[in-house]
Protein backbone atom coordinates (compact mmCIF):
# COMPACT_ATOMS: atom_id res chain seq x y z
CA MET A 1 38.01 -79.35 32.33
CA ARG A 2 37.45 -79.62 28.27
CA LEU A 3 38.11 -75.92 26.38
CA PHE A 4 36.34 -75.08 23.39
CA THR A 5 38.03 -75.62 19.94
CA LYS A 6 38.42 -72.41 17.49
CA SER A 7 35.61 -74.03 15.92
CA THR A 8 32.97 -74.14 18.77
CA ALA A 9 34.55 -70.13 19.52
CA LEU A 10 33.53 -69.02 16.00
CA LYS A 11 30.42 -70.43 16.57
CA LEU A 12 29.21 -68.98 19.87
CA ILE A 13 31.06 -65.45 18.53
CA THR A 14 28.80 -65.55 14.99
CA PHE A 15 25.69 -66.27 17.62
CA ALA A 16 26.01 -63.60 19.73
CA ILE A 17 26.32 -61.26 16.45
CA LEU A 18 23.68 -62.95 14.94
CA MET A 19 22.10 -62.33 18.60
CA ALA A 20 22.90 -58.56 18.69
CA ASN A 21 21.97 -57.59 15.67
CA PHE A 22 18.44 -59.50 15.89
CA ALA A 23 18.62 -57.82 18.81
CA ALA A 24 18.96 -54.11 17.32
CA VAL A 25 16.91 -54.85 14.88
CA GLN A 26 14.20 -55.65 16.87
CA ALA A 27 14.68 -52.43 19.74
CA GLN A 28 14.61 -50.63 15.88
CA GLY A 29 11.33 -51.99 15.00
CA LYS A 30 9.47 -50.65 18.35
CA LYS A 31 11.30 -47.13 18.00
CA LYS A 32 8.32 -44.81 18.67
CA PRO A 33 7.17 -42.86 15.26
CA ASN A 34 8.02 -39.20 14.81
CA ILE A 35 5.03 -37.25 14.03
CA ILE A 36 4.64 -34.14 11.71
CA PHE A 37 1.78 -32.28 11.88
CA ILE A 38 1.41 -29.47 9.17
CA LEU A 39 -0.74 -26.91 9.61
CA ALA A 40 -2.30 -24.12 6.51
CA ASP A 41 -3.97 -21.14 7.68
CA ASP A 42 -6.89 -20.55 5.77
CA LEU A 43 -6.49 -22.72 3.22
CA GLY A 44 -9.59 -24.11 1.55
CA TYR A 45 -10.20 -27.55 0.92
CA GLY A 46 -10.50 -27.18 -3.39
CA ASN A 47 -6.79 -24.92 -3.18
CA VAL A 48 -5.27 -28.34 -2.74
CA HIS A 49 -5.04 -29.50 -6.84
CA SER A 50 -5.15 -33.28 -5.57
CA PHE A 51 -8.69 -32.11 -3.99
CA ASN A 52 -10.03 -30.04 -6.40
CA PRO A 53 -8.60 -30.62 -10.06
CA ASN A 54 -9.71 -27.50 -11.34
CA SER A 55 -7.31 -25.62 -9.11
CA LYS A 56 -5.80 -23.41 -11.15
CA ILE A 57 -3.31 -22.83 -9.07
CA PRO A 58 0.02 -25.83 -8.96
CA THR A 59 0.89 -27.85 -6.04
CA PRO A 60 2.60 -30.71 -6.93
CA HIS A 61 4.43 -31.32 -3.71
CA LEU A 62 1.24 -31.84 -1.60
CA ASP A 63 0.24 -34.07 -4.84
CA LYS A 64 3.03 -36.47 -4.21
CA LEU A 65 2.25 -36.78 -0.53
CA THR A 66 -1.46 -37.76 -1.58
CA ASP A 67 0.06 -40.83 -4.19
CA GLU A 68 1.97 -41.29 -1.41
CA GLY A 69 -0.44 -41.87 1.30
CA ILE A 70 -4.65 -41.43 2.30
CA LYS A 71 -6.30 -38.65 1.18
CA PHE A 72 -9.36 -38.05 4.02
CA THR A 73 -12.36 -36.13 1.84
CA ARG A 74 -14.64 -35.63 4.76
CA PHE A 75 -12.10 -34.59 7.09
CA TYR A 76 -13.50 -31.44 9.50
CA SER A 77 -11.60 -28.52 11.49
CA GLY A 78 -12.42 -27.76 14.71
CA ASN A 79 -14.07 -24.96 14.26
CA THR A 80 -14.75 -22.34 11.16
CA VAL A 81 -12.10 -19.81 12.59
CA CYS A 82 -8.60 -19.86 14.03
CA ALA A 83 -8.09 -20.03 17.83
CA PRO A 84 -11.11 -22.56 18.37
CA SER A 85 -10.42 -24.82 15.95
CA ARG A 86 -6.60 -24.99 17.31
CA CYS A 87 -8.18 -25.27 20.72
CA ALA A 88 -9.96 -28.91 19.17
CA LEU A 89 -6.66 -29.75 17.91
CA MET A 90 -4.88 -29.09 21.23
CA THR A 91 -7.22 -30.60 23.47
CA GLY A 92 -9.69 -33.07 21.88
CA LEU A 93 -12.25 -31.28 22.60
CA THR A 94 -15.31 -30.34 20.47
CA MET A 95 -17.03 -27.30 20.32
CA GLY A 96 -19.58 -28.29 22.92
CA HIS A 97 -16.80 -28.44 25.78
CA ALA A 98 -13.74 -26.14 24.46
CA TRP A 99 -12.97 -23.66 26.97
CA ILE A 100 -12.09 -22.04 24.20
CA ARG A 101 -15.12 -21.60 21.68
CA GLY A 102 -14.20 -18.53 19.70
CA ASN A 103 -11.52 -16.00 18.23
CA ALA A 104 -11.52 -13.14 21.03
CA LYS A 105 -8.69 -10.79 22.37
CA ALA A 106 -6.69 -12.10 25.33
CA LYS A 107 -8.91 -10.55 28.25
CA ASP A 108 -7.99 -11.67 31.91
CA GLY A 109 -6.45 -15.38 30.41
CA LEU A 110 -9.89 -15.78 29.22
CA ALA A 111 -9.07 -16.73 25.77
CA ALA A 112 -5.91 -18.18 26.70
CA LEU A 113 -5.95 -21.84 27.19
CA ARG A 114 -5.86 -22.88 31.10
CA ALA A 115 -3.73 -25.13 33.01
CA GLN A 116 -5.51 -28.04 33.46
CA ASP A 117 -6.59 -28.11 29.91
CA PHE A 118 -4.56 -30.95 28.90
CA THR A 119 -3.04 -31.11 25.11
CA LEU A 120 -1.53 -32.80 22.49
CA ALA A 121 2.01 -31.78 22.98
CA GLU A 122 2.22 -32.73 27.07
CA SER A 123 0.74 -35.79 26.04
CA LEU A 124 3.46 -36.92 23.86
CA LYS A 125 5.62 -35.04 25.79
CA ALA A 126 5.27 -37.46 29.13
CA ASN A 127 6.08 -40.67 26.53
CA GLY A 128 9.34 -39.10 25.61
CA TYR A 129 8.96 -37.10 22.53
CA LYS A 130 10.91 -33.98 21.99
CA THR A 131 8.38 -31.74 20.69
CA GLY A 132 8.82 -28.59 18.49
CA MET A 133 6.26 -26.00 17.06
CA PHE A 134 7.41 -23.68 15.01
CA GLY A 135 4.13 -20.61 13.88
CA LYS A 136 1.32 -19.78 14.73
CA TRP A 137 0.01 -20.91 18.53
CA GLY A 138 -3.10 -18.00 19.32
CA LEU A 139 -3.92 -19.85 21.98
CA GLY A 140 -2.16 -18.00 24.58
CA ASP A 141 0.01 -15.16 25.69
CA GLU A 142 3.63 -14.90 27.18
CA ASP A 143 2.34 -14.18 30.74
CA SER A 144 -0.62 -16.18 30.36
CA LYS A 145 -0.70 -20.02 31.22
CA GLY A 146 -1.79 -20.67 27.93
CA ALA A 147 1.88 -19.56 26.61
CA PRO A 148 3.42 -22.35 24.18
CA HIS A 149 5.81 -23.97 27.81
CA LEU A 150 3.62 -24.73 29.33
CA LYS A 151 1.56 -26.39 27.07
CA GLY A 152 4.35 -29.29 26.20
CA PHE A 153 6.25 -27.50 24.44
CA ASP A 154 10.55 -28.18 24.01
CA SER A 155 10.60 -25.68 21.22
CA PHE A 156 8.72 -22.55 19.94
CA TYR A 157 8.78 -20.48 17.66
CA GLY A 158 6.94 -17.88 15.92
CA TYR A 159 3.42 -15.53 16.89
CA LEU A 160 1.86 -16.02 19.72
CA ASP A 161 -1.32 -13.90 19.04
CA GLN A 162 -3.44 -14.52 15.54
CA SER A 163 -3.52 -10.75 14.71
CA HIS A 164 -0.13 -10.47 14.83
CA ALA A 165 0.15 -13.64 12.60
CA HIS A 166 -1.68 -11.62 9.96
CA HIS A 167 1.95 -9.85 9.03
CA TYR A 168 4.62 -11.68 6.97
CA TYR A 169 6.95 -8.63 8.14
CA THR A 170 7.71 -7.96 12.03
CA ASN A 171 9.97 -6.70 14.12
CA ARG A 172 9.18 -9.39 16.56
CA LEU A 173 8.41 -13.18 17.30
CA TYR A 174 8.08 -15.22 20.09
CA GLU A 175 11.00 -18.18 21.09
CA ILE A 176 10.76 -20.49 24.28
CA VAL A 177 14.31 -19.13 25.85
CA ASN A 178 15.22 -20.94 28.71
CA GLY A 179 12.09 -22.56 29.00
CA LYS A 180 10.50 -19.54 28.86
CA THR A 181 7.99 -18.40 26.10
CA VAL A 182 9.75 -14.13 25.48
CA LYS A 183 9.44 -12.02 22.55
CA VAL A 184 12.64 -11.86 20.09
CA PRO A 185 13.70 -9.14 17.57
CA VAL A 186 13.38 -9.80 13.90
CA ASP A 187 14.65 -8.91 10.64
CA THR A 188 11.88 -6.58 9.48
CA THR A 189 13.39 -7.64 5.64
CA LYS A 190 12.87 -11.17 6.12
CA TYR A 191 9.49 -12.88 5.12
CA THR A 192 8.38 -15.07 8.42
CA GLU A 193 7.22 -18.06 6.41
CA ASP A 194 11.10 -18.97 5.55
CA LEU A 195 12.10 -17.70 9.08
CA ILE A 196 9.37 -20.81 11.17
CA VAL A 197 10.17 -23.47 8.58
CA ASN A 198 14.28 -22.97 8.99
CA LYS A 199 12.81 -23.26 12.81
CA ALA A 200 11.46 -26.83 11.95
CA VAL A 201 14.45 -28.14 9.36
CA GLU A 202 17.27 -27.00 12.53
CA PHE A 203 14.76 -29.45 15.11
CA ILE A 204 14.40 -32.11 13.03
CA LYS A 205 18.26 -32.21 12.29
CA ALA A 206 18.85 -31.78 15.89
CA ASN A 207 15.82 -34.89 17.15
CA LYS A 208 16.33 -36.74 14.02
CA ASP A 209 17.94 -39.89 16.45
CA GLN A 210 15.20 -39.92 19.13
CA PRO A 211 11.21 -39.50 19.32
CA PHE A 212 9.96 -36.04 18.14
CA PHE A 213 6.35 -34.24 17.44
CA LEU A 214 7.06 -31.56 14.84
CA TYR A 215 4.08 -29.67 15.21
CA LEU A 216 3.90 -27.08 11.87
CA PRO A 217 1.34 -24.60 12.24
CA LEU A 218 2.44 -22.05 9.38
CA THR A 219 0.72 -19.23 8.78
CA VAL A 220 0.46 -18.73 4.66
CA PRO A 221 -1.77 -18.51 3.02
CA HIS A 222 -4.04 -16.67 5.26
CA ALA A 223 -3.97 -12.44 5.18
CA GLU A 224 -2.40 -9.42 4.39
CA LEU A 225 -1.41 -10.69 1.00
CA LYS A 226 2.09 -10.57 1.15
CA VAL A 227 5.03 -12.73 -0.83
CA PRO A 228 8.65 -11.95 -1.20
CA ALA A 229 8.95 -10.37 -4.96
CA GLU A 230 11.06 -13.30 -6.22
CA LEU A 231 8.65 -16.06 -5.55
CA LEU A 232 5.93 -13.29 -7.20
CA LYS A 233 7.51 -13.87 -10.41
CA LYS A 234 5.79 -17.27 -11.77
CA PHE A 235 2.83 -15.50 -11.69
CA GLN A 236 3.36 -12.61 -13.56
CA ASN A 237 4.08 -12.34 -16.95
CA ALA A 238 6.80 -11.19 -18.26
CA ASP A 239 5.94 -7.64 -18.73
CA GLY A 240 5.05 -7.68 -15.10
CA SER A 241 1.39 -8.53 -15.60
CA SER A 242 -0.72 -11.12 -13.37
CA LYS A 243 -0.69 -14.00 -14.84
CA PHE A 244 -4.79 -14.36 -12.98
CA GLN A 245 -7.11 -11.49 -15.07
CA PRO A 246 -9.19 -9.68 -14.17
CA GLU A 247 -7.01 -8.49 -11.91
CA THR A 248 -8.57 -5.45 -8.80
CA PRO A 249 -6.37 -3.77 -6.54
CA PHE A 250 -6.89 -4.63 -3.08
CA GLU A 251 -7.62 -1.06 -1.52
CA LYS A 252 -5.28 -0.43 2.20
CA LYS A 253 -7.75 -1.70 4.12
CA GLY A 254 -7.73 -1.63 8.27
CA ASN A 255 -4.23 -3.04 9.17
CA TYR A 256 -3.89 -4.82 5.65
CA SER A 257 -2.09 -2.79 3.04
CA SER A 258 -2.85 -2.13 -0.77
CA GLU A 259 -1.91 -4.90 -2.98
CA ALA A 260 -1.99 -4.18 -6.77
CA GLN A 261 -2.42 -8.17 -7.67
CA PRO A 262 -4.12 -9.95 -5.64
CA HIS A 263 -4.99 -12.72 -7.18
CA ALA A 264 -1.14 -13.96 -8.85
CA VAL A 265 0.19 -12.77 -4.34
CA PHE A 266 -2.30 -15.55 -3.18
CA ALA A 267 -1.49 -18.09 -5.85
CA ALA A 268 2.23 -17.77 -4.94
CA MET A 269 1.33 -17.89 -1.32
CA VAL A 270 -0.22 -21.41 -1.55
CA ASN A 271 2.89 -22.23 -3.99
CA LYS A 272 4.71 -21.13 -1.01
CA LEU A 273 2.74 -23.29 1.66
CA ASP A 274 3.31 -26.23 -0.88
CA ALA A 275 7.18 -25.75 -1.66
CA ASP A 276 7.53 -25.14 2.21
CA VAL A 277 5.56 -29.64 2.51
CA GLY A 278 7.89 -30.20 0.16
CA THR A 279 11.33 -28.95 2.66
CA ILE A 280 9.86 -31.09 5.13
CA VAL A 281 9.45 -34.03 3.36
CA ASP A 282 12.92 -34.14 1.43
CA LEU A 283 14.77 -33.54 4.66
CA VAL A 284 13.02 -36.45 5.87
CA LYS A 285 13.70 -38.83 3.07
CA LYS A 286 17.18 -37.30 3.46
CA LEU A 287 17.96 -37.96 6.85
CA GLY A 288 16.54 -41.54 6.58
CA LEU A 289 13.67 -41.12 8.55
CA ASP A 290 10.97 -42.20 6.19
CA ASN A 291 10.12 -45.10 8.05
CA ASP A 292 9.10 -43.77 11.11
CA THR A 293 7.80 -40.47 10.72
CA TYR A 294 3.91 -40.11 10.23
CA ILE A 295 3.61 -36.76 8.03
CA PHE A 296 0.06 -34.90 8.31
CA PHE A 297 -1.47 -31.64 6.66
CA THR A 298 -4.25 -29.82 6.64
CA SER A 299 -6.44 -26.41 7.54
CA ASP A 300 -7.02 -24.77 10.55
CA ASN A 301 -10.74 -23.87 8.24
CA GLY A 302 -12.21 -22.69 5.13
CA PRO A 303 -10.72 -20.42 2.52
CA HIS A 304 -11.03 -16.56 3.70
CA LYS A 305 -11.91 -13.27 1.90
CA GLU A 306 -9.81 -10.60 3.99
CA GLY A 307 -7.13 -8.23 2.40
CA GLY A 308 -7.76 -8.52 -0.44
CA ALA A 309 -8.18 -12.92 -1.30
CA ASP A 310 -10.78 -14.27 -3.83
CA PRO A 311 -11.90 -17.17 -2.37
CA VAL A 312 -14.50 -17.39 -5.75
CA PHE A 313 -12.17 -16.94 -8.36
CA PHE A 314 -9.97 -19.42 -7.40
CA ASN A 315 -12.45 -22.02 -6.08
CA SER A 316 -11.33 -22.55 -3.07
CA SER A 317 -13.79 -24.66 -1.46
CA GLY A 318 -14.46 -26.37 -4.28
CA GLU A 319 -17.82 -27.80 -4.89
CA PHE A 320 -18.91 -27.16 -1.28
CA ARG A 321 -20.77 -24.18 0.48
CA GLY A 322 -19.33 -21.12 1.82
CA ILE A 323 -16.01 -20.11 3.41
CA LYS A 324 -14.21 -19.19 6.80
CA ARG A 325 -16.52 -18.09 9.52
CA ASP A 326 -19.49 -20.49 8.09
CA LEU A 327 -20.83 -23.40 9.53
CA TYR A 328 -21.42 -25.14 6.06
CA GLU A 329 -19.29 -27.40 4.19
CA GLY A 330 -17.08 -24.56 2.74
CA GLY A 331 -15.89 -22.98 5.94
CA ILE A 332 -14.99 -26.79 8.36
CA ARG A 333 -14.21 -29.48 5.44
CA VAL A 334 -10.59 -29.06 4.87
CA PRO A 335 -8.14 -31.53 3.44
CA LEU A 336 -6.87 -34.10 4.72
CA ILE A 337 -3.62 -35.54 3.54
CA VAL A 338 -1.28 -38.53 6.00
CA ARG A 339 1.82 -40.07 4.34
CA ALA A 340 3.11 -43.60 6.64
CA PRO A 341 5.09 -45.90 4.28
CA GLY A 342 5.70 -48.77 5.06
CA LYS A 343 2.58 -48.85 7.07
CA ILE A 344 -0.14 -48.69 4.16
CA ALA A 345 -0.22 -48.97 0.36
CA ALA A 346 -0.40 -45.76 -1.51
CA ARG A 347 -3.13 -43.52 -3.10
CA GLN A 348 -6.04 -44.52 -0.53
CA VAL A 349 -9.27 -42.66 -0.14
CA ASN A 350 -10.82 -42.77 3.23
CA THR A 351 -14.49 -40.95 3.06
CA THR A 352 -15.36 -41.67 6.97
CA PRO A 353 -15.96 -38.30 8.48
CA TRP A 354 -13.22 -37.04 11.76
CA ALA A 355 -12.41 -34.20 13.00
CA PHE A 356 -9.64 -32.15 14.45
CA TRP A 357 -10.45 -33.42 17.91
CA ASP A 358 -9.44 -36.56 17.01
CA VAL A 359 -6.03 -36.17 15.93
CA LEU A 360 -5.23 -36.68 20.45
CA PRO A 361 -6.37 -39.50 20.38
CA THR A 362 -4.99 -41.18 17.03
CA LEU A 363 -1.78 -39.56 17.59
CA ASP A 364 -2.04 -41.40 20.98
CA ASP A 365 -2.22 -44.16 19.68
CA LEU A 366 0.20 -44.34 17.06
CA THR A 367 2.86 -44.06 20.10
CA GLY A 368 1.98 -46.04 22.20
CA THR A 369 1.23 -42.80 24.90
CA VAL A 370 -2.02 -43.09 27.04
CA PRO A 371 -4.36 -40.68 25.77
CA PRO A 372 -6.32 -38.31 28.43
CA LYS A 373 -9.79 -38.87 30.09
CA ASN A 374 -12.88 -37.18 29.05
CA ILE A 375 -12.11 -36.12 25.77
CA ASP A 376 -14.65 -35.93 22.61
CA GLY A 377 -12.20 -37.46 19.79
CA LEU A 378 -12.15 -41.38 18.82
CA SER A 379 -8.69 -42.87 17.42
CA PHE A 380 -8.64 -43.20 13.45
CA ALA A 381 -4.96 -44.79 14.08
CA PRO A 382 -5.86 -48.08 12.48
CA LEU A 383 -6.58 -46.58 9.35
CA LEU A 384 -2.96 -45.26 8.91
CA ASN A 385 -2.04 -49.21 8.86
CA GLY A 386 -4.34 -50.64 6.99
CA LYS A 387 -7.07 -51.43 9.40
CA LYS A 388 -10.29 -50.74 10.48
CA ALA A 389 -11.02 -48.24 13.46
CA ALA A 390 -12.66 -49.55 16.04
CA LYS A 391 -14.84 -46.95 16.62
CA GLU A 392 -16.52 -43.99 15.05
CA HIS A 393 -18.97 -41.20 16.09
CA GLU A 394 -22.56 -40.83 15.71
CA TYR A 395 -22.51 -37.40 14.65
CA PHE A 396 -20.27 -34.09 14.92
CA TYR A 397 -21.07 -30.76 16.16
CA TRP A 398 -20.16 -27.29 16.14
CA GLN A 399 -21.05 -23.45 17.18
CA PHE A 400 -20.10 -20.06 16.85
CA ASN A 401 -20.67 -16.97 18.46
CA GLU A 402 -20.27 -13.99 15.50
CA ASP A 403 -22.66 -12.39 14.39
CA GLY A 404 -25.36 -14.48 16.71
CA LEU A 405 -24.92 -18.32 17.67
CA LYS A 406 -24.59 -20.81 14.94
CA GLU A 407 -25.15 -24.24 15.62
CA ALA A 408 -23.93 -27.37 13.23
CA LEU A 409 -24.14 -31.28 13.94
CA THR A 410 -23.51 -33.93 11.29
CA LYS A 411 -25.31 -37.28 11.31
CA GLY A 412 -23.99 -39.40 8.56
CA ASP A 413 -25.72 -37.80 5.73
CA TRP A 414 -27.38 -35.49 7.10
CA LYS A 415 -26.88 -32.16 8.11
CA LEU A 416 -28.64 -29.42 10.77
CA ILE A 417 -27.71 -25.93 10.81
CA ARG A 418 -29.37 -23.52 13.54
CA PHE A 419 -28.68 -19.93 13.47
CA LYS A 420 -30.11 -17.31 16.69
CA ASP A 421 -29.63 -13.84 17.71
CA LYS A 422 -30.77 -11.93 20.61
CA GLY A 423 -33.84 -10.66 19.73
CA THR A 424 -34.82 -13.45 17.12
CA PRO A 425 -36.59 -16.68 16.35
CA GLU A 426 -33.95 -19.19 15.48
CA LYS A 427 -33.70 -20.87 11.88
CA LEU A 428 -33.52 -24.19 11.23
CA GLU A 429 -31.94 -25.27 7.68
CA LEU A 430 -30.97 -29.16 6.93
CA TYR A 431 -29.03 -30.54 4.06
CA ASN A 432 -28.51 -33.99 2.71
CA LEU A 433 -25.01 -34.15 1.53
CA LYS A 434 -25.66 -37.07 0.09
CA THR A 435 -27.81 -35.31 -2.82
CA ASP A 436 -26.53 -32.12 -1.58
CA ILE A 437 -23.22 -31.84 -1.06
CA GLY A 438 -23.42 -28.20 -2.29
CA GLU A 439 -26.28 -27.40 0.47
CA LYS A 440 -28.41 -25.81 -2.21
CA ASN A 441 -31.47 -26.82 -0.94
CA ASN A 442 -32.92 -26.17 2.61
CA ILE A 443 -35.43 -29.42 3.29
CA ALA A 444 -36.29 -28.88 6.86
CA ALA A 445 -39.73 -28.25 6.50
CA LYS A 446 -40.23 -31.55 4.41
CA ASN A 447 -38.50 -33.49 6.80
CA PRO A 448 -39.83 -32.51 10.54
CA ASP A 449 -39.02 -35.86 12.35
CA ILE A 450 -34.88 -35.64 10.94
CA VAL A 451 -34.88 -32.35 12.08
CA LYS A 452 -36.30 -33.28 15.61
CA SER A 453 -33.60 -35.57 16.27
CA LEU A 454 -31.03 -33.78 14.63
CA TYR A 455 -32.20 -30.58 17.28
CA ALA A 456 -32.00 -33.32 20.46
CA LEU A 457 -28.22 -34.43 19.63
CA MET A 458 -27.35 -31.05 19.32
CA LYS A 459 -28.86 -29.92 22.80
CA GLN A 460 -27.19 -33.62 24.10
CA ALA A 461 -23.84 -32.42 22.13
CA LYS A 462 -22.62 -29.25 23.86
CA THR A 463 -22.48 -27.46 28.08
CA PRO A 464 -23.02 -24.37 29.19
CA SER A 465 -19.17 -22.09 28.57
CA GLU A 466 -17.40 -22.48 31.41
CA ASN A 467 -15.52 -19.16 29.57
CA PRO A 468 -17.40 -15.90 30.14
CA ILE A 469 -16.57 -14.67 27.24
CA PHE A 470 -18.07 -17.69 24.93
CA ASP A 471 -20.95 -17.47 27.21
CA TRP A 472 -24.48 -17.28 24.82
CA SER A 473 -27.62 -17.43 27.32
CA GLU A 474 -28.80 -14.09 27.06
CA VAL A 475 -28.96 -15.04 23.20
CA GLU A 476 -30.75 -18.24 24.03
CA LYS A 477 -32.80 -16.40 26.25
CA ASN A 478 -34.08 -13.11 23.77
């Protein structure tokens, strides 16, 4: 029997080390990517400087994120208000098929997701992801089937109800404790945005060595207008006056308290949001996770005007018409930034239309997760890897239920908006977004064939609501 020489043994050891390193590199290359999805509350397209160079409010961290990733200039929210928009995001369904199609107070669980409403978090959790949500949920209270612990989240801290989330100083929030969503006390002197971001930071640190999905639905800059005094100083002159003149003090109305300098406070809130995004991005880089992590940033709908907010003064909708609760572009077109370092060249701009219902299949695609069947969304994941999407939508559809029924449908550059209230005839508006991005000229009367075609698609895009609180059949009949 011939023994190995020392030289041969060294070669074998060296070969074994090389093979081990190769296997480690392969394993690292196959590591599932982390996903961070940051959702602002009522942030307008025009409030982000990289989307609107004329914005009055600095957003340096979002601008940097844009420079490092892809700017989607025609991305749409799920709806023009909170709950249905988030429902579309979580379920991959449009307003023609979703269970929650409008904002509503809890009533027999009808304003919450059901057990059968499969969510993005449930999808990723089934594929081995640690899932955390910090901020505003809006899709089910703690005793409902839509509570966060029943919808795929391992960790949660924040607000359950959108009305509660209007207030940044409170005596309670909610958290998943021992696998169940429960109420937890809060120091009423603490700004809840800080508490929420701190929990998100803890989640990232705790899960840095395994694939994680962080959903961060922050509450700013939605009403009420409140910000810690030290953050407000940045937008005040030396004498304490606002840098954003003229200021019209907001007098207490409903649940919203008075605010002497609403312009300055709103600017401080947007700037706070920007800084919080910077905190998350910087942490990802510090932990060495930036090449394994996709970061998404968007808003749930267009800008609001409650509590003293002034979307006209801040040009919050940019070049678009309308705000929150409108189905004009200003109510539903939102900024989307996606950072995918190492995957694509920086400073990319994508002009293809996509929407909230596309997020679920996109994140499933990125993570090698099998998406649920019978959803409306399509994956745009190939765009994040420098390729072309396999399929694009023929059209996009929305409906909204306050002050009568409103519907909108876009196909290419055409957009049809329908208004119908009980006891009144329907009203149709048609716009060409290529030549009239501000939706100023209703050209329905001049293009009856286009109206007829889009109207037919509008009927095709929806099914009667299974949820009785969003049943508008009486509006249609009268």
